[in-house]
């Protein structure tokens, strides 16, 4: 590999107007390499050294500006990812894939908008997997594992799921969006019949179910931030049944549509 000094000399001669053959003769750098360098295809490390930019070691993209993320959309998408999403590695990139019930077009639309907000330069596609009642939403980018460091081998409930400090700061500010994403993926709102003597009353209620203890804890922690009362129904289910707490969830979640 040629040195950084060779790269700088080639770029200086190019800036002075020398043609590529002359640059190759003066520097001893192969003409094909000269062409690559002056057309912007030089080694990333050399281009960064000249521009002062740094790249993410994990994905190779310029260092991520996490402050530029749409906090509400990111929090919502993180909740969706923890429930119904996974990141699949491909030959040259990774793909965030989310699977949703086709009977909930508004939730599908919310997921698509969140993906586009988080990864605005990348294409987001949604298509139905016939004959199943399932819609797959996907977007490819090498940056997904950096944006969702919970990614890893195996199923989520068999590994530790913990938010990075920067993620926790975002979801704390946008707790409603995070909780909405979790409920849209692994929760439900339903009418619970309760008999009082001879009278049958029906009350709305929320339920969240996930096999990961860590994800259930994240859900409950963010309910606490919002002042919403909850209780553990059994090993995998969290219930929100008190009238005031259900009304509070109805303000930003509501029935699945």
C-alpha atoms as a PDB file:
ATOM      1  CA  UNK A   1       0.000   0.000   0.000  1.00  0.00           C
ATOM      2  CA  UNK A   2       1.336   3.439  -0.915  1.00  0.00           C
ATOM      3  CA  UNK A   3       2.081   5.917   1.847  1.00  0.00           C
ATOM      4  CA  UNK A   4       0.067   8.943   2.905  1.00  0.00           C
ATOM      5  CA  UNK A   5       2.877  11.144   1.556  1.00  0.00           C
ATOM      6  CA  UNK A   6       2.456   9.545  -1.886  1.00  0.00           C
ATOM      7  CA  UNK A   7      -1.266  10.256  -1.719  1.00  0.00           C
ATOM      8  CA  UNK A   8      -0.684  13.878  -0.774  1.00  0.00           C
ATOM      9  CA  UNK A   9       1.874  14.370  -3.561  1.00  0.00           C
ATOM     10  CA  UNK A  10      -0.521  12.927  -6.147  1.00  0.00           C
ATOM     11  CA  UNK A  11      -3.341  15.196  -4.976  1.00  0.00           C
ATOM     12  CA  UNK A  12      -1.089  18.272  -4.984  1.00  0.00           C
ATOM     13  CA  UNK A  13       0.109  17.614  -8.536  1.00  0.00           C
ATOM     14  CA  UNK A  14      -3.460  17.017  -9.643  1.00  0.00           C
ATOM     15  CA  UNK A  15      -4.491  20.345  -8.103  1.00  0.00           C
ATOM     16  CA  UNK A  16      -1.678  22.028 -10.059  1.00  0.00           C
ATOM     17  CA  UNK A  17      -3.159  20.717 -13.324  1.00  0.00           C
ATOM     18  CA  UNK A  18      -0.729  17.920 -14.184  1.00  0.00           C
ATOM     19  CA  UNK A  19      -2.219  15.090 -16.225  1.00  0.00           C
ATOM     20  CA  UNK A  20      -2.394  11.603 -14.778  1.00  0.00           C
ATOM     21  CA  UNK A  21       0.466  10.140 -16.792  1.00  0.00           C
ATOM     22  CA  UNK A  22       2.774  12.968 -15.698  1.00  0.00           C
ATOM     23  CA  UNK A  23       1.726  12.506 -12.067  1.00  0.00           C
ATOM     24  CA  UNK A  24       2.496   8.785 -12.332  1.00  0.00           C
ATOM     25  CA  UNK A  25       5.983   9.461 -13.773  1.00  0.00           C
ATOM     26  CA  UNK A  26       6.854  12.051 -11.115  1.00  0.00           C
ATOM     27  CA  UNK A  27       5.618  10.072  -8.115  1.00  0.00           C
ATOM     28  CA  UNK A  28       6.191   6.484  -9.195  1.00  0.00           C
ATOM     29  CA  UNK A  29       2.585   5.680  -8.358  1.00  0.00           C
ATOM     30  CA  UNK A  30       0.834   3.372 -10.831  1.00  0.00           C
ATOM     31  CA  UNK A  31      -1.350   5.347 -13.296  1.00  0.00           C
ATOM     32  CA  UNK A  32      -4.431   3.252 -12.435  1.00  0.00           C
ATOM     33  CA  UNK A  33      -3.925   4.114  -8.759  1.00  0.00           C
ATOM     34  CA  UNK A  34      -3.509   7.793  -9.632  1.00  0.00           C
ATOM     35  CA  UNK A  35      -6.838   7.717 -11.484  1.00  0.00           C
ATOM     36  CA  UNK A  36      -8.560   6.102  -8.496  1.00  0.00           C
ATOM     37  CA  UNK A  37      -7.165   8.659  -6.081  1.00  0.00           C
ATOM     38  CA  UNK A  38      -7.949  11.801  -8.069  1.00  0.00           C
ATOM     39  CA  UNK A  39     -11.496  10.581  -8.780  1.00  0.00           C
ATOM     40  CA  UNK A  40     -12.243  10.204  -5.074  1.00  0.00           C
ATOM     41  CA  UNK A  41     -11.620   6.474  -4.634  1.00  0.00           C
ATOM     42  CA  UNK A  42      -8.471   6.655  -2.555  1.00  0.00           C
ATOM     43  CA  UNK A  43      -8.071   4.685   0.694  1.00  0.00           C
ATOM     44  CA  UNK A  44     -10.644   5.815   3.254  1.00  0.00           C
ATOM     45  CA  UNK A  45      -7.999   6.434   5.903  1.00  0.00           C
ATOM     46  CA  UNK A  46      -6.130   8.830   3.580  1.00  0.00           C
ATOM     47  CA  UNK A  47      -9.279  10.686   2.568  1.00  0.00           C
ATOM     48  CA  UNK A  48     -10.255  11.064   6.218  1.00  0.00           C
ATOM     49  CA  UNK A  49      -6.767  12.272   7.147  1.00  0.00           C
ATOM     50  CA  UNK A  50      -7.038  15.010   4.529  1.00  0.00           C
ATOM     51  CA  UNK A  51     -10.594  16.020   5.377  1.00  0.00           C
ATOM     52  CA  UNK A  52     -10.333  15.724   9.154  1.00  0.00           C
ATOM     53  CA  UNK A  53     -13.372  13.382   9.214  1.00  0.00           C
ATOM     54  CA  UNK A  54     -13.476  10.139  11.180  1.00  0.00           C
ATOM     55  CA  UNK A  55     -15.370   6.979  10.345  1.00  0.00           C
ATOM     56  CA  UNK A  56     -17.217   4.530  12.549  1.00  0.00           C
ATOM     57  CA  UNK A  57     -14.975   1.503  13.002  1.00  0.00           C
ATOM     58  CA  UNK A  58     -17.985  -0.823  13.032  1.00  0.00           C
ATOM     59  CA  UNK A  59     -19.716   0.166   9.769  1.00  0.00           C
ATOM     60  CA  UNK A  60     -17.274   2.453   7.931  1.00  0.00           C
ATOM     61  CA  UNK A  61     -19.696   5.362   7.647  1.00  0.00           C
ATOM     62  CA  UNK A  62     -18.689   8.849   8.790  1.00  0.00           C
ATOM     63  CA  UNK A  63     -18.951   9.124  12.553  1.00  0.00           C
ATOM     64  CA  UNK A  64     -22.632   9.068  13.516  1.00  0.00           C
ATOM     65  CA  UNK A  65     -24.252  12.321  14.589  1.00  0.00           C
ATOM     66  CA  UNK A  66     -26.680  10.872  17.119  1.00  0.00           C
ATOM     67  CA  UNK A  67     -27.847  14.361  18.093  1.00  0.00           C
ATOM     68  CA  UNK A  68     -29.386  14.680  14.623  1.00  0.00           C
ATOM     69  CA  UNK A  69     -31.726  11.704  15.154  1.00  0.00           C
ATOM     70  CA  UNK A  70     -35.458  12.385  15.319  1.00  0.00           C
ATOM     71  CA  UNK A  71     -35.769  11.370  18.976  1.00  0.00           C
ATOM     72  CA  UNK A  72     -39.484  10.493  18.903  1.00  0.00           C
ATOM     73  CA  UNK A  73     -39.268   8.454  15.702  1.00  0.00           C
ATOM     74  CA  UNK A  74     -36.113   6.697  16.879  1.00  0.00           C
ATOM     75  CA  UNK A  75     -37.685   5.811  20.242  1.00  0.00           C
ATOM     76  CA  UNK A  76     -40.761   4.419  18.499  1.00  0.00           C
ATOM     77  CA  UNK A  77     -38.671   2.373  16.054  1.00  0.00           C
ATOM     78  CA  UNK A  78     -36.519   1.049  18.895  1.00  0.00           C
ATOM     79  CA  UNK A  79     -39.670  -0.202  20.636  1.00  0.00           C
ATOM     80  CA  UNK A  80     -40.816  -1.847  17.413  1.00  0.00           C
ATOM     81  CA  UNK A  81     -37.391  -3.417  16.864  1.00  0.00           C
ATOM     82  CA  UNK A  82     -37.243  -4.889  20.373  1.00  0.00           C
ATOM     83  CA  UNK A  83     -40.570  -6.615  19.758  1.00  0.00           C
ATOM     84  CA  UNK A  84     -40.979  -7.499  16.102  1.00  0.00           C
ATOM     85  CA  UNK A  85     -37.721  -6.598  14.384  1.00  0.00           C
ATOM     86  CA  UNK A  86     -34.333  -8.102  13.723  1.00  0.00           C
ATOM     87  CA  UNK A  87     -31.227  -7.135  11.800  1.00  0.00           C
ATOM     88  CA  UNK A  88     -30.152  -9.588   9.117  1.00  0.00           C
ATOM     89  CA  UNK A  89     -26.579  -9.422   7.770  1.00  0.00           C
ATOM     90  CA  UNK A  90     -26.196  -9.551   3.977  1.00  0.00           C
ATOM     91  CA  UNK A  91     -23.094  -9.836   1.806  1.00  0.00           C
ATOM     92  CA  UNK A  92     -22.357  -6.083   1.788  1.00  0.00           C
ATOM     93  CA  UNK A  93     -24.791  -4.547   4.277  1.00  0.00           C
ATOM     94  CA  UNK A  94     -27.382  -5.308   6.956  1.00  0.00           C
ATOM     95  CA  UNK A  95     -31.169  -5.177   6.715  1.00  0.00           C
ATOM     96  CA  UNK A  96     -33.625  -4.161   9.419  1.00  0.00           C
ATOM     97  CA  UNK A  97     -36.713  -6.333   8.990  1.00  0.00           C
ATOM     98  CA  UNK A  98     -39.999  -5.906  10.855  1.00  0.00           C
ATOM     99  CA  UNK A  99     -43.029  -8.191  10.540  1.00  0.00           C
ATOM    100  CA  UNK A 100     -46.521  -6.852  11.248  1.00  0.00           C
ATOM    101  CA  UNK A 101     -50.151  -7.900  11.006  1.00  0.00           C
ATOM    102  CA  UNK A 102     -51.698  -6.631   7.756  1.00  0.00           C
ATOM    103  CA  UNK A 103     -54.916  -5.843   9.687  1.00  0.00           C
ATOM    104  CA  UNK A 104     -53.141  -2.861  11.284  1.00  0.00           C
ATOM    105  CA  UNK A 105     -52.364  -0.506   8.371  1.00  0.00           C
ATOM    106  CA  UNK A 106     -51.960   2.558  10.605  1.00  0.00           C
ATOM    107  CA  UNK A 107     -49.253   0.834  12.652  1.00  0.00           C
ATOM    108  CA  UNK A 108     -47.547  -0.322   9.452  1.00  0.00           C
ATOM    109  CA  UNK A 109     -47.590   3.271   8.222  1.00  0.00           C
ATOM    110  CA  UNK A 110     -46.121   4.495  11.523  1.00  0.00           C
ATOM    111  CA  UNK A 111     -43.305   1.969  11.263  1.00  0.00           C
ATOM    112  CA  UNK A 112     -42.503   2.962   7.669  1.00  0.00           C
ATOM    113  CA  UNK A 113     -42.411   6.660   8.614  1.00  0.00           C
ATOM    114  CA  UNK A 114     -40.130   5.939  11.572  1.00  0.00           C
ATOM    115  CA  UNK A 115     -37.675   3.967   9.423  1.00  0.00           C
ATOM    116  CA  UNK A 116     -37.590   6.755   6.862  1.00  0.00           C
ATOM    117  CA  UNK A 117     -36.999   9.350   9.570  1.00  0.00           C
ATOM    118  CA  UNK A 118     -34.117   7.400  11.115  1.00  0.00           C
ATOM    119  CA  UNK A 119     -32.531   6.400   7.777  1.00  0.00           C
ATOM    120  CA  UNK A 120     -33.684   9.143   5.353  1.00  0.00           C
ATOM    121  CA  UNK A 121     -31.141   8.371   2.621  1.00  0.00           C
ATOM    122  CA  UNK A 122     -32.147   4.703   2.335  1.00  0.00           C
ATOM    123  CA  UNK A 123     -35.104   3.021   0.677  1.00  0.00           C
ATOM    124  CA  UNK A 124     -37.856   1.575   2.874  1.00  0.00           C
ATOM    125  CA  UNK A 125     -40.095  -1.130   1.389  1.00  0.00           C
ATOM    126  CA  UNK A 126     -43.233  -2.825   2.708  1.00  0.00           C
ATOM    127  CA  UNK A 127     -44.871  -5.851   1.103  1.00  0.00           C
ATOM    128  CA  UNK A 128     -47.336  -8.543   2.080  1.00  0.00           C
ATOM    129  CA  UNK A 129     -46.131 -12.112   2.431  1.00  0.00           C
ATOM    130  CA  UNK A 130     -48.982 -14.093   0.896  1.00  0.00           C
ATOM    131  CA  UNK A 131     -50.800 -16.280   1.785  1.00  0.00           C
ATOM    132  CA  UNK A 132     -49.958 -15.166   5.350  1.00  0.00           C
ATOM    133  CA  UNK A 133     -51.615 -12.266   7.117  1.00  0.00           C
ATOM    134  CA  UNK A 134     -48.220 -10.601   7.437  1.00  0.00           C
ATOM    135  CA  UNK A 135     -46.502  -7.477   6.084  1.00  0.00           C
ATOM    136  CA  UNK A 136     -42.707  -7.247   6.025  1.00  0.00           C
ATOM    137  CA  UNK A 137     -41.117  -3.800   6.303  1.00  0.00           C
ATOM    138  CA  UNK A 138     -37.410  -3.555   5.556  1.00  0.00           C
ATOM    139  CA  UNK A 139     -34.581  -1.108   5.030  1.00  0.00           C
ATOM    140  CA  UNK A 140     -30.922  -1.891   4.272  1.00  0.00           C
ATOM    141  CA  UNK A 141     -27.978  -0.008   5.764  1.00  0.00           C
ATOM    142  CA  UNK A 142     -24.625  -0.916   7.289  1.00  0.00           C
ATOM    143  CA  UNK A 143     -25.472   1.521  10.103  1.00  0.00           C
ATOM    144  CA  UNK A 144     -28.309  -0.481  11.714  1.00  0.00           C
ATOM    145  CA  UNK A 145     -26.086  -2.408  14.195  1.00  0.00           C
ATOM    146  CA  UNK A 146     -24.667   0.952  15.344  1.00  0.00           C
ATOM    147  CA  UNK A 147     -28.131   2.449  15.802  1.00  0.00           C
ATOM    148  CA  UNK A 148     -29.432  -0.705  17.523  1.00  0.00           C
ATOM    149  CA  UNK A 149     -26.489  -2.151  19.501  1.00  0.00           C
ATOM    150  CA  UNK A 150     -28.900  -4.726  20.999  1.00  0.00           C
ATOM    151  CA  UNK A 151     -28.345  -6.663  17.763  1.00  0.00           C
ATOM    152  CA  UNK A 152     -26.588  -9.972  18.286  1.00  0.00           C
ATOM    153  CA  UNK A 153     -26.701 -13.700  17.596  1.00  0.00           C
ATOM    154  CA  UNK A 154     -29.631 -15.722  18.868  1.00  0.00           C
ATOM    155  CA  UNK A 155     -33.089 -14.741  20.037  1.00  0.00           C
ATOM    156  CA  UNK A 156     -33.493 -11.657  22.229  1.00  0.00           C
ATOM    157  CA  UNK A 157     -34.845 -13.433  25.314  1.00  0.00           C
ATOM    158  CA  UNK A 158     -31.699 -15.570  25.528  1.00  0.00           C
ATOM    159  CA  UNK A 159     -29.241 -12.660  25.672  1.00  0.00           C
ATOM    160  CA  UNK A 160     -28.848  -9.448  27.646  1.00  0.00           C
ATOM    161  CA  UNK A 161     -30.875  -6.503  26.286  1.00  0.00           C
ATOM    162  CA  UNK A 162     -29.738  -3.199  27.764  1.00  0.00           C
ATOM    163  CA  UNK A 163     -29.928   0.337  26.394  1.00  0.00           C
ATOM    164  CA  UNK A 164     -26.721   2.238  25.715  1.00  0.00           C
ATOM    165  CA  UNK A 165     -26.413   5.486  27.641  1.00  0.00           C
ATOM    166  CA  UNK A 166     -27.228   7.561  24.563  1.00  0.00           C
ATOM    167  CA  UNK A 167     -30.312   5.423  23.865  1.00  0.00           C
ATOM    168  CA  UNK A 168     -31.541   5.728  27.452  1.00  0.00           C
ATOM    169  CA  UNK A 169     -31.183   9.509  27.239  1.00  0.00           C
ATOM    170  CA  UNK A 170     -33.360   9.562  24.103  1.00  0.00           C
ATOM    171  CA  UNK A 171     -36.063   7.182  25.344  1.00  0.00           C
ATOM    172  CA  UNK A 172     -36.267   8.986  28.696  1.00  0.00           C
ATOM    173  CA  UNK A 173     -37.151  12.175  26.810  1.00  0.00           C
ATOM    174  CA  UNK A 174     -39.500  10.323  24.463  1.00  0.00           C
ATOM    175  CA  UNK A 175     -40.941   7.704  26.809  1.00  0.00           C
ATOM    176  CA  UNK A 176     -44.388   7.895  25.192  1.00  0.00           C
ATOM    177  CA  UNK A 177     -42.995   7.048  21.751  1.00  0.00           C
ATOM    178  CA  UNK A 178     -40.916   4.174  23.154  1.00  0.00           C
ATOM    179  CA  UNK A 179     -43.871   2.677  25.053  1.00  0.00           C
ATOM    180  CA  UNK A 180     -46.097   3.093  21.985  1.00  0.00           C
ATOM    181  CA  UNK A 181     -43.579   1.166  19.866  1.00  0.00           C
ATOM    182  CA  UNK A 182     -43.376  -1.649  22.418  1.00  0.00           C
ATOM    183  CA  UNK A 183     -47.173  -1.949  22.638  1.00  0.00           C
ATOM    184  CA  UNK A 184     -47.589  -1.782  18.854  1.00  0.00           C
ATOM    185  CA  UNK A 185     -45.195  -4.723  18.578  1.00  0.00           C
ATOM    186  CA  UNK A 186     -45.904  -6.924  21.614  1.00  0.00           C
ATOM    187  CA  UNK A 187     -48.901  -5.388  23.333  1.00  0.00           C
ATOM    188  CA  UNK A 188     -52.664  -5.145  23.020  1.00  0.00           C
ATOM    189  CA  UNK A 189     -55.648  -3.139  24.200  1.00  0.00           C
ATOM    190  CA  UNK A 190     -58.799  -5.133  24.853  1.00  0.00           C
ATOM    191  CA  UNK A 191     -62.086  -5.032  26.756  1.00  0.00           C
ATOM    192  CA  UNK A 192     -62.043  -7.041  29.962  1.00  0.00           C
ATOM    193  CA  UNK A 193     -65.452  -8.267  31.269  1.00  0.00           C
ATOM    194  CA  UNK A 194     -65.831  -8.090  35.065  1.00  0.00           C
ATOM    195  CA  UNK A 195     -68.953  -9.320  36.893  1.00  0.00           C
ATOM    196  CA  UNK A 196     -70.196  -7.354  39.894  1.00  0.00           C
ATOM    197  CA  UNK A 197     -72.933  -9.556  41.355  1.00  0.00           C
ATOM    198  CA  UNK A 198     -75.540  -9.881  38.625  1.00  0.00           C
ATOM    199  CA  UNK A 199     -74.123  -6.973  36.657  1.00  0.00           C
ATOM    200  CA  UNK A 200     -71.498  -7.507  33.923  1.00  0.00           C
ATOM    201  CA  UNK A 201     -69.182  -4.535  33.316  1.00  0.00           C
ATOM    202  CA  UNK A 202     -66.598  -4.213  30.578  1.00  0.00           C
ATOM    203  CA  UNK A 203     -63.383  -2.243  31.162  1.00  0.00           C
ATOM    204  CA  UNK A 204     -60.577  -1.405  28.708  1.00  0.00           C
ATOM    205  CA  UNK A 205     -57.188  -2.827  29.601  1.00  0.00           C
ATOM    206  CA  UNK A 206     -53.662  -3.026  28.177  1.00  0.00           C
ATOM    207  CA  UNK A 207     -51.432  -6.075  28.144  1.00  0.00           C
ATOM    208  CA  UNK A 208     -47.751  -6.380  27.202  1.00  0.00           C
ATOM    209  CA  UNK A 209     -46.154  -9.762  26.645  1.00  0.00           C
ATOM    210  CA  UNK A 210     -42.505 -10.545  25.923  1.00  0.00           C
ATOM    211  CA  UNK A 211     -40.330 -13.486  26.894  1.00  0.00           C
ATOM    212  CA  UNK A 212     -37.303 -11.259  27.586  1.00  0.00           C
ATOM    213  CA  UNK A 213     -37.070 -10.164  31.209  1.00  0.00           C
ATOM    214  CA  UNK A 214     -34.885  -7.252  30.118  1.00  0.00           C
ATOM    215  CA  UNK A 215     -37.426  -5.967  27.583  1.00  0.00           C
ATOM    216  CA  UNK A 216     -40.280  -6.297  30.100  1.00  0.00           C
ATOM    217  CA  UNK A 217     -38.179  -4.311  32.568  1.00  0.00           C
ATOM    218  CA  UNK A 218     -37.587  -1.558  29.986  1.00  0.00           C
ATOM    219  CA  UNK A 219     -41.336  -1.386  29.381  1.00  0.00           C
ATOM    220  CA  UNK A 220     -42.103  -1.097  33.098  1.00  0.00           C
ATOM    221  CA  UNK A 221     -39.323   1.437  33.726  1.00  0.00           C
ATOM    222  CA  UNK A 222     -40.725   3.752  31.058  1.00  0.00           C
ATOM    223  CA  UNK A 223     -44.263   3.314  32.381  1.00  0.00           C
ATOM    224  CA  UNK A 224     -42.888   4.471  35.730  1.00  0.00           C
ATOM    225  CA  UNK A 225     -41.407   7.553  34.051  1.00  0.00           C
ATOM    226  CA  UNK A 226     -44.884   8.360  32.738  1.00  0.00           C
ATOM    227  CA  UNK A 227     -46.600   7.751  36.081  1.00  0.00           C
ATOM    228  CA  UNK A 228     -48.562   4.774  34.711  1.00  0.00           C
ATOM    229  CA  UNK A 229     -49.409   1.987  37.173  1.00  0.00           C
ATOM    230  CA  UNK A 230     -48.811  -1.589  36.086  1.00  0.00           C
ATOM    231  CA  UNK A 231     -48.709  -5.061  37.583  1.00  0.00           C
ATOM    232  CA  UNK A 232     -47.176  -8.371  36.624  1.00  0.00           C
ATOM    233  CA  UNK A 233     -49.873 -10.876  35.610  1.00  0.00           C
ATOM    234  CA  UNK A 234     -47.594 -13.903  35.209  1.00  0.00           C
ATOM    235  CA  UNK A 235     -44.112 -14.841  34.017  1.00  0.00           C
ATOM    236  CA  UNK A 236     -44.312 -13.033  30.669  1.00  0.00           C
ATOM    237  CA  UNK A 237     -47.228 -10.583  30.892  1.00  0.00           C
ATOM    238  CA  UNK A 238     -47.554  -7.024  32.211  1.00  0.00           C
ATOM    239  CA  UNK A 239     -51.022  -5.569  32.744  1.00  0.00           C
ATOM    240  CA  UNK A 240     -52.238  -1.961  32.895  1.00  0.00           C
ATOM    241  CA  UNK A 241     -55.791  -2.022  34.210  1.00  0.00           C
ATOM    242  CA  UNK A 242     -56.389   0.948  36.517  1.00  0.00           C
ATOM    243  CA  UNK A 243     -58.765   3.440  34.925  1.00  0.00           C
ATOM    244  CA  UNK A 244     -56.465   6.470  35.181  1.00  0.00           C
ATOM    245  CA  UNK A 245     -53.493   4.558  33.776  1.00  0.00           C
ATOM    246  CA  UNK A 246     -55.526   3.138  30.890  1.00  0.00           C
ATOM    247  CA  UNK A 247     -56.752   6.651  30.107  1.00  0.00           C
ATOM    248  CA  UNK A 248     -53.160   7.895  30.140  1.00  0.00           C
ATOM    249  CA  UNK A 249     -52.098   5.200  27.650  1.00  0.00           C
ATOM    250  CA  UNK A 250     -55.127   6.003  25.506  1.00  0.00           C
ATOM    251  CA  UNK A 251     -53.717   9.520  25.071  1.00  0.00           C
ATOM    252  CA  UNK A 252     -50.840   8.253  22.915  1.00  0.00           C
ATOM    253  CA  UNK A 253     -51.476   4.570  22.121  1.00  0.00           C
ATOM    254  CA  UNK A 254     -55.134   3.509  21.849  1.00  0.00           C
ATOM    255  CA  UNK A 255     -56.514   0.450  20.040  1.00  0.00           C
ATOM    256  CA  UNK A 256     -54.418  -1.140  17.326  1.00  0.00           C
ATOM    257  CA  UNK A 257     -55.476  -0.054  13.859  1.00  0.00           C
END
